[in-house]
């Protein structure tokens, strides 16, 4: 049986980019016994020399995505001395872009793609959390939320939650139902996370009627009646007065982005989070 050949991937980040490209290339050599060894977070010349020596002993092939010009030069120098095959996937691209764009003011930053990836996955995690905790579907895990929105039906809880989650905030929203006590879990979490939403009764009536018409239902029912809506608003206001730590936002005729920004500003200040750290 043929001995396995080894392709070493060296990266100052996760090595995901190089790994994907190498695997794509190796599809053309399916009949060969080839192993891939990924070496992540290679940032020093000491690490580099040790790895190149290992690759030399194994007579492997080296593929790298190093941002630092000095590290790329070191790889070229050492692999040339030892007669190793080395493929620089990132250097030529960076040099061509540098020529086209006209240079950059800052020094190349190692591991930057990983930072971007971490932000991306954090946003995905926030969206998944928010969807699970939409409209009171799940009250367990409320303590993990960054923001908790409370309000009666059609006070923009869900649109605000989804909008904020796309900015990286884990949001739960809890509906207030006339005559029903909110879940106990709501009062067991850090009350600084909770934001109350209210709206003008005429505006709410119009919104609810349009929603009923959209789904082919009778817009003249109790759900959209001014009398019933006023009772709901009074019920919510009474609850808000009993929980004075909840800031109240009136969403009447306000842009979603405007309300979201204000909520973030208030919650960030209350939780001692630097404003703009997430949003």
Protein backbone atom coordinates (compact mmCIF):
# COMPACT_ATOMS: atom_id res chain seq x y z
CA UNK A 1 0.00 0.00 0.00
CA UNK A 2 1.30 3.46 -0.91
CA UNK A 3 2.48 5.56 2.03
CA UNK A 4 0.30 8.54 2.79
CA UNK A 5 1.38 11.88 1.46
CA UNK A 6 0.92 14.86 3.77
CA UNK A 7 -0.17 18.40 3.01
CA UNK A 8 0.51 20.81 5.85
CA UNK A 9 -1.63 23.93 6.12
CA UNK A 10 -0.07 26.84 8.00
CA UNK A 11 -2.14 29.86 8.97
CA UNK A 12 -1.93 32.82 11.34
CA UNK A 13 -5.69 32.36 11.85
CA UNK A 14 -7.91 29.29 11.74
CA UNK A 15 -6.67 27.91 8.43
CA UNK A 16 -10.24 27.43 7.21
CA UNK A 17 -9.63 29.31 3.96
CA UNK A 18 -6.56 27.28 3.02
CA UNK A 19 -8.21 24.04 4.13
CA UNK A 20 -11.21 24.64 1.88
CA UNK A 21 -8.99 25.40 -1.12
CA UNK A 22 -6.71 22.40 -0.54
CA UNK A 23 -9.66 20.04 -0.21
CA UNK A 24 -11.13 21.44 -3.40
CA UNK A 25 -7.84 20.79 -5.18
CA UNK A 26 -7.42 17.29 -3.80
CA UNK A 27 -10.73 16.25 -5.35
CA UNK A 28 -8.67 15.83 -8.53
CA UNK A 29 -6.45 13.26 -6.76
CA UNK A 30 -9.06 11.03 -5.16
CA UNK A 31 -7.09 7.86 -5.92
CA UNK A 32 -4.15 9.08 -3.82
CA UNK A 33 -3.71 8.55 -0.07
CA UNK A 34 -3.26 12.13 1.12
CA UNK A 35 -3.53 13.46 4.66
CA UNK A 36 -4.10 17.06 5.67
CA UNK A 37 -2.52 18.54 8.79
CA UNK A 38 -3.81 21.98 9.75
CA UNK A 39 -1.55 24.20 11.90
CA UNK A 40 -3.48 27.18 13.28
CA UNK A 41 -2.39 30.47 14.88
CA UNK A 42 1.20 30.35 13.63
CA UNK A 43 2.43 33.80 14.67
CA UNK A 44 6.17 33.50 15.54
CA UNK A 45 9.32 32.53 13.66
CA UNK A 46 10.01 29.92 16.34
CA UNK A 47 6.73 28.18 15.59
CA UNK A 48 7.44 28.43 11.89
CA UNK A 49 10.93 26.90 12.07
CA UNK A 50 9.71 24.00 14.21
CA UNK A 51 6.86 23.23 11.83
CA UNK A 52 9.01 23.46 8.71
CA UNK A 53 11.46 21.03 10.28
CA UNK A 54 8.59 18.61 10.95
CA UNK A 55 7.38 19.01 7.37
CA UNK A 56 10.90 18.32 6.11
CA UNK A 57 11.15 15.14 8.19
CA UNK A 58 7.80 13.97 6.77
CA UNK A 59 8.69 15.19 3.28
CA UNK A 60 5.35 16.94 3.17
CA UNK A 61 3.97 19.77 1.08
CA UNK A 62 3.30 23.15 2.69
CA UNK A 63 0.34 25.41 1.88
CA UNK A 64 -0.04 28.67 3.78
CA UNK A 65 -2.19 31.77 4.21
CA UNK A 66 0.06 34.08 6.19
CA UNK A 67 -0.79 37.78 6.27
CA UNK A 68 2.60 39.00 7.50
CA UNK A 69 5.06 39.67 4.65
CA UNK A 70 7.92 38.82 7.01
CA UNK A 71 6.43 35.42 7.82
CA UNK A 72 5.78 34.72 4.15
CA UNK A 73 9.40 35.60 3.33
CA UNK A 74 10.62 33.35 6.16
CA UNK A 75 8.60 30.44 4.79
CA UNK A 76 10.01 31.00 1.30
CA UNK A 77 13.55 31.15 2.65
CA UNK A 78 13.34 28.04 4.84
CA UNK A 79 11.42 25.86 2.38
CA UNK A 80 13.84 26.80 -0.43
CA UNK A 81 16.77 25.76 1.75
CA UNK A 82 15.18 22.36 2.40
CA UNK A 83 13.81 21.82 -1.10
CA UNK A 84 10.20 21.70 0.06
CA UNK A 85 7.15 22.54 -2.02
CA UNK A 86 5.44 25.61 -0.56
CA UNK A 87 2.31 27.26 -1.91
CA UNK A 88 1.43 30.80 -0.84
CA UNK A 89 -2.33 31.18 -1.30
CA UNK A 90 -2.68 34.66 0.16
CA UNK A 91 0.51 36.59 -0.61
CA UNK A 92 0.07 37.08 -4.39
CA UNK A 93 -3.56 38.11 -3.84
CA UNK A 94 -2.63 40.67 -1.18
CA UNK A 95 0.17 42.07 -3.32
CA UNK A 96 -2.10 42.41 -6.37
CA UNK A 97 -4.83 44.07 -4.31
CA UNK A 98 -2.25 46.35 -2.73
CA UNK A 99 -1.14 47.44 -6.21
CA UNK A 100 -4.70 47.96 -7.40
CA UNK A 101 -6.05 49.71 -4.30
CA UNK A 102 -2.96 51.78 -3.75
CA UNK A 103 -1.68 50.47 -0.45
CA UNK A 104 -3.16 50.57 3.03
CA UNK A 105 -2.35 52.71 6.04
CA UNK A 106 -2.37 49.96 8.66
CA UNK A 107 -0.04 47.01 9.00
CA UNK A 108 -1.48 43.65 7.88
CA UNK A 109 -3.53 42.16 10.70
CA UNK A 110 -3.20 38.44 11.36
CA UNK A 111 -6.35 36.49 12.21
CA UNK A 112 -8.66 39.25 11.00
CA UNK A 113 -10.89 36.83 9.09
CA UNK A 114 -11.41 34.84 12.28
CA UNK A 115 -12.60 38.00 14.03
CA UNK A 116 -15.10 38.59 11.24
CA UNK A 117 -16.23 34.96 11.46
CA UNK A 118 -16.72 35.25 15.23
CA UNK A 119 -18.95 38.29 14.73
CA UNK A 120 -20.93 36.43 12.09
CA UNK A 121 -21.53 33.38 14.29
CA UNK A 122 -22.40 35.60 17.23
CA UNK A 123 -25.06 37.26 15.09
CA UNK A 124 -26.42 33.87 13.97
CA UNK A 125 -26.57 32.76 17.61
CA UNK A 126 -28.47 35.92 18.52
CA UNK A 127 -30.98 35.40 15.70
CA UNK A 128 -31.59 31.77 16.68
CA UNK A 129 -32.10 32.75 20.33
CA UNK A 130 -34.49 35.54 19.37
CA UNK A 131 -36.62 33.34 17.11
CA UNK A 132 -36.95 30.73 19.87
CA UNK A 133 -37.98 33.39 22.38
CA UNK A 134 -40.40 35.27 20.14
CA UNK A 135 -43.88 36.14 21.43
CA UNK A 136 -43.43 34.24 24.69
CA UNK A 137 -42.94 30.87 22.94
CA UNK A 138 -40.17 30.06 25.41
CA UNK A 139 -39.65 31.68 28.81
CA UNK A 140 -36.87 29.37 29.95
CA UNK A 141 -33.47 30.90 29.36
CA UNK A 142 -34.68 34.50 29.68
CA UNK A 143 -31.63 35.20 31.82
CA UNK A 144 -29.46 34.67 28.72
CA UNK A 145 -31.22 37.47 26.83
CA UNK A 146 -29.49 40.82 26.36
CA UNK A 147 -32.83 42.60 25.98
CA UNK A 148 -36.37 41.58 26.94
CA UNK A 149 -39.29 43.41 25.33
CA UNK A 150 -42.75 43.40 26.91
CA UNK A 151 -45.98 44.82 25.52
CA UNK A 152 -49.48 44.03 24.32
CA UNK A 153 -50.15 42.59 20.89
CA UNK A 154 -48.97 44.61 17.84
CA UNK A 155 -46.59 46.95 19.65
CA UNK A 156 -43.70 46.00 17.32
CA UNK A 157 -42.17 43.46 19.70
CA UNK A 158 -41.30 40.90 17.01
CA UNK A 159 -40.01 43.35 14.34
CA UNK A 160 -37.84 45.09 16.94
CA UNK A 161 -36.57 41.75 18.27
CA UNK A 162 -35.56 40.50 14.84
CA UNK A 163 -33.99 43.82 13.88
CA UNK A 164 -31.92 43.90 17.08
CA UNK A 165 -30.90 40.25 16.72
CA UNK A 166 -29.39 40.99 13.32
CA UNK A 167 -27.19 43.48 15.16
CA UNK A 168 -25.99 40.77 17.53
CA UNK A 169 -28.38 41.24 20.47
CA UNK A 170 -30.14 38.23 21.99
CA UNK A 171 -33.71 39.43 22.40
CA UNK A 172 -36.73 37.80 24.03
CA UNK A 173 -40.20 39.30 23.82
CA UNK A 174 -43.05 38.55 26.17
CA UNK A 175 -46.67 39.44 25.25
CA UNK A 176 -48.93 41.02 27.84
CA UNK A 177 -52.42 39.54 27.79
CA UNK A 178 -55.35 41.35 29.40
CA UNK A 179 -56.21 39.79 32.74
CA UNK A 180 -53.30 37.32 32.69
CA UNK A 181 -50.25 37.62 34.91
CA UNK A 182 -46.91 37.71 33.10
CA UNK A 183 -44.71 34.60 33.56
CA UNK A 184 -42.80 34.44 36.85
CA UNK A 185 -39.54 34.07 34.93
CA UNK A 186 -39.89 37.68 33.81
CA UNK A 187 -39.44 38.91 37.36
CA UNK A 188 -36.53 36.59 38.13
CA UNK A 189 -34.12 38.03 35.57
CA UNK A 190 -32.06 41.22 35.76
CA UNK A 191 -34.76 43.89 35.51
CA UNK A 192 -32.36 46.28 33.77
CA UNK A 193 -32.74 44.18 30.60
CA UNK A 194 -36.48 44.69 30.37
CA UNK A 195 -37.99 47.32 28.10
CA UNK A 196 -41.72 48.07 27.95
CA UNK A 197 -43.50 49.04 24.74
CA UNK A 198 -46.72 51.01 24.37
CA UNK A 199 -48.66 52.66 21.54
CA UNK A 200 -51.50 55.11 20.92
CA UNK A 201 -54.88 53.33 20.97
CA UNK A 202 -56.07 54.81 17.65
CA UNK A 203 -52.90 53.71 15.87
CA UNK A 204 -53.12 50.27 17.41
CA UNK A 205 -56.72 49.90 16.28
CA UNK A 206 -55.74 50.73 12.68
CA UNK A 207 -52.83 48.28 12.78
CA UNK A 208 -54.97 45.46 14.14
CA UNK A 209 -57.77 46.08 11.63
CA UNK A 210 -55.31 45.95 8.74
CA UNK A 211 -53.87 42.73 10.08
CA UNK A 212 -57.30 41.13 10.39
CA UNK A 213 -58.22 42.23 6.85
CA UNK A 214 -54.95 40.83 5.55
CA UNK A 215 -55.87 37.39 6.87
CA UNK A 216 -59.50 37.64 5.75
CA UNK A 217 -60.93 38.04 9.24
CA UNK A 218 -63.61 40.39 10.54
CA UNK A 219 -61.95 43.73 11.41
CA UNK A 220 -64.93 44.77 13.50
CA UNK A 221 -64.31 42.28 16.29
CA UNK A 222 -63.16 42.89 19.84
CA UNK A 223 -59.45 42.53 18.97
CA UNK A 224 -59.47 45.82 17.03
CA UNK A 225 -62.15 47.70 18.97
CA UNK A 226 -61.09 50.92 20.67
CA UNK A 227 -62.84 49.93 23.90
CA UNK A 228 -61.00 46.63 24.19
CA UNK A 229 -57.69 48.15 23.13
CA UNK A 230 -57.97 50.87 25.78
CA UNK A 231 -58.50 48.17 28.41
CA UNK A 232 -55.35 46.40 27.21
CA UNK A 233 -53.34 49.61 27.25
CA UNK A 234 -54.59 50.46 30.74
CA UNK A 235 -53.71 46.95 31.90
CA UNK A 236 -50.17 47.31 30.49
CA UNK A 237 -49.68 50.83 31.90
CA UNK A 238 -50.74 49.63 35.34
CA UNK A 239 -48.17 46.83 35.13
CA UNK A 240 -45.47 49.27 34.02
CA UNK A 241 -46.23 51.54 36.99
CA UNK A 242 -45.73 48.58 39.33
CA UNK A 243 -42.39 47.86 37.69
CA UNK A 244 -40.80 51.27 37.63
CA UNK A 245 -37.40 49.91 36.55
CA UNK A 246 -38.78 49.14 33.11
CA UNK A 247 -38.25 52.07 30.73
CA UNK A 248 -41.35 52.62 28.57
CA UNK A 249 -41.05 53.36 24.85
CA UNK A 250 -43.98 54.69 22.85
CA UNK A 251 -43.68 53.17 19.36
CA UNK A 252 -46.52 55.23 17.84
CA UNK A 253 -45.49 56.41 14.35
CA UNK A 254 -41.80 55.84 15.12
CA UNK A 255 -39.38 54.25 12.70
CA UNK A 256 -38.21 50.81 13.75
CA UNK A 257 -34.55 51.82 13.48
CA UNK A 258 -35.11 54.87 15.67
CA UNK A 259 -36.78 52.88 18.44
CA UNK A 260 -34.15 50.12 18.24
CA UNK A 261 -31.29 52.61 18.56
CA UNK A 262 -32.92 54.22 21.58
CA UNK A 263 -33.51 50.85 23.25
CA UNK A 264 -29.88 49.90 22.73
CA UNK A 265 -28.70 53.22 24.14
CA UNK A 266 -30.78 52.83 27.30
CA UNK A 267 -30.05 49.14 27.90
CA UNK A 268 -26.33 49.59 27.22
CA UNK A 269 -26.18 52.43 29.75
CA UNK A 270 -28.13 50.43 32.36
CA UNK A 271 -26.01 47.29 31.87
CA UNK A 272 -22.74 49.24 31.63
CA UNK A 273 -22.12 48.01 28.09
CA UNK A 274 -20.13 50.40 25.84
CA UNK A 275 -22.64 51.92 23.41
CA UNK A 276 -21.97 50.50 19.96
CA UNK A 277 -20.16 47.44 21.31
CA UNK A 278 -22.78 45.24 19.63
CA UNK A 279 -25.02 47.44 17.52
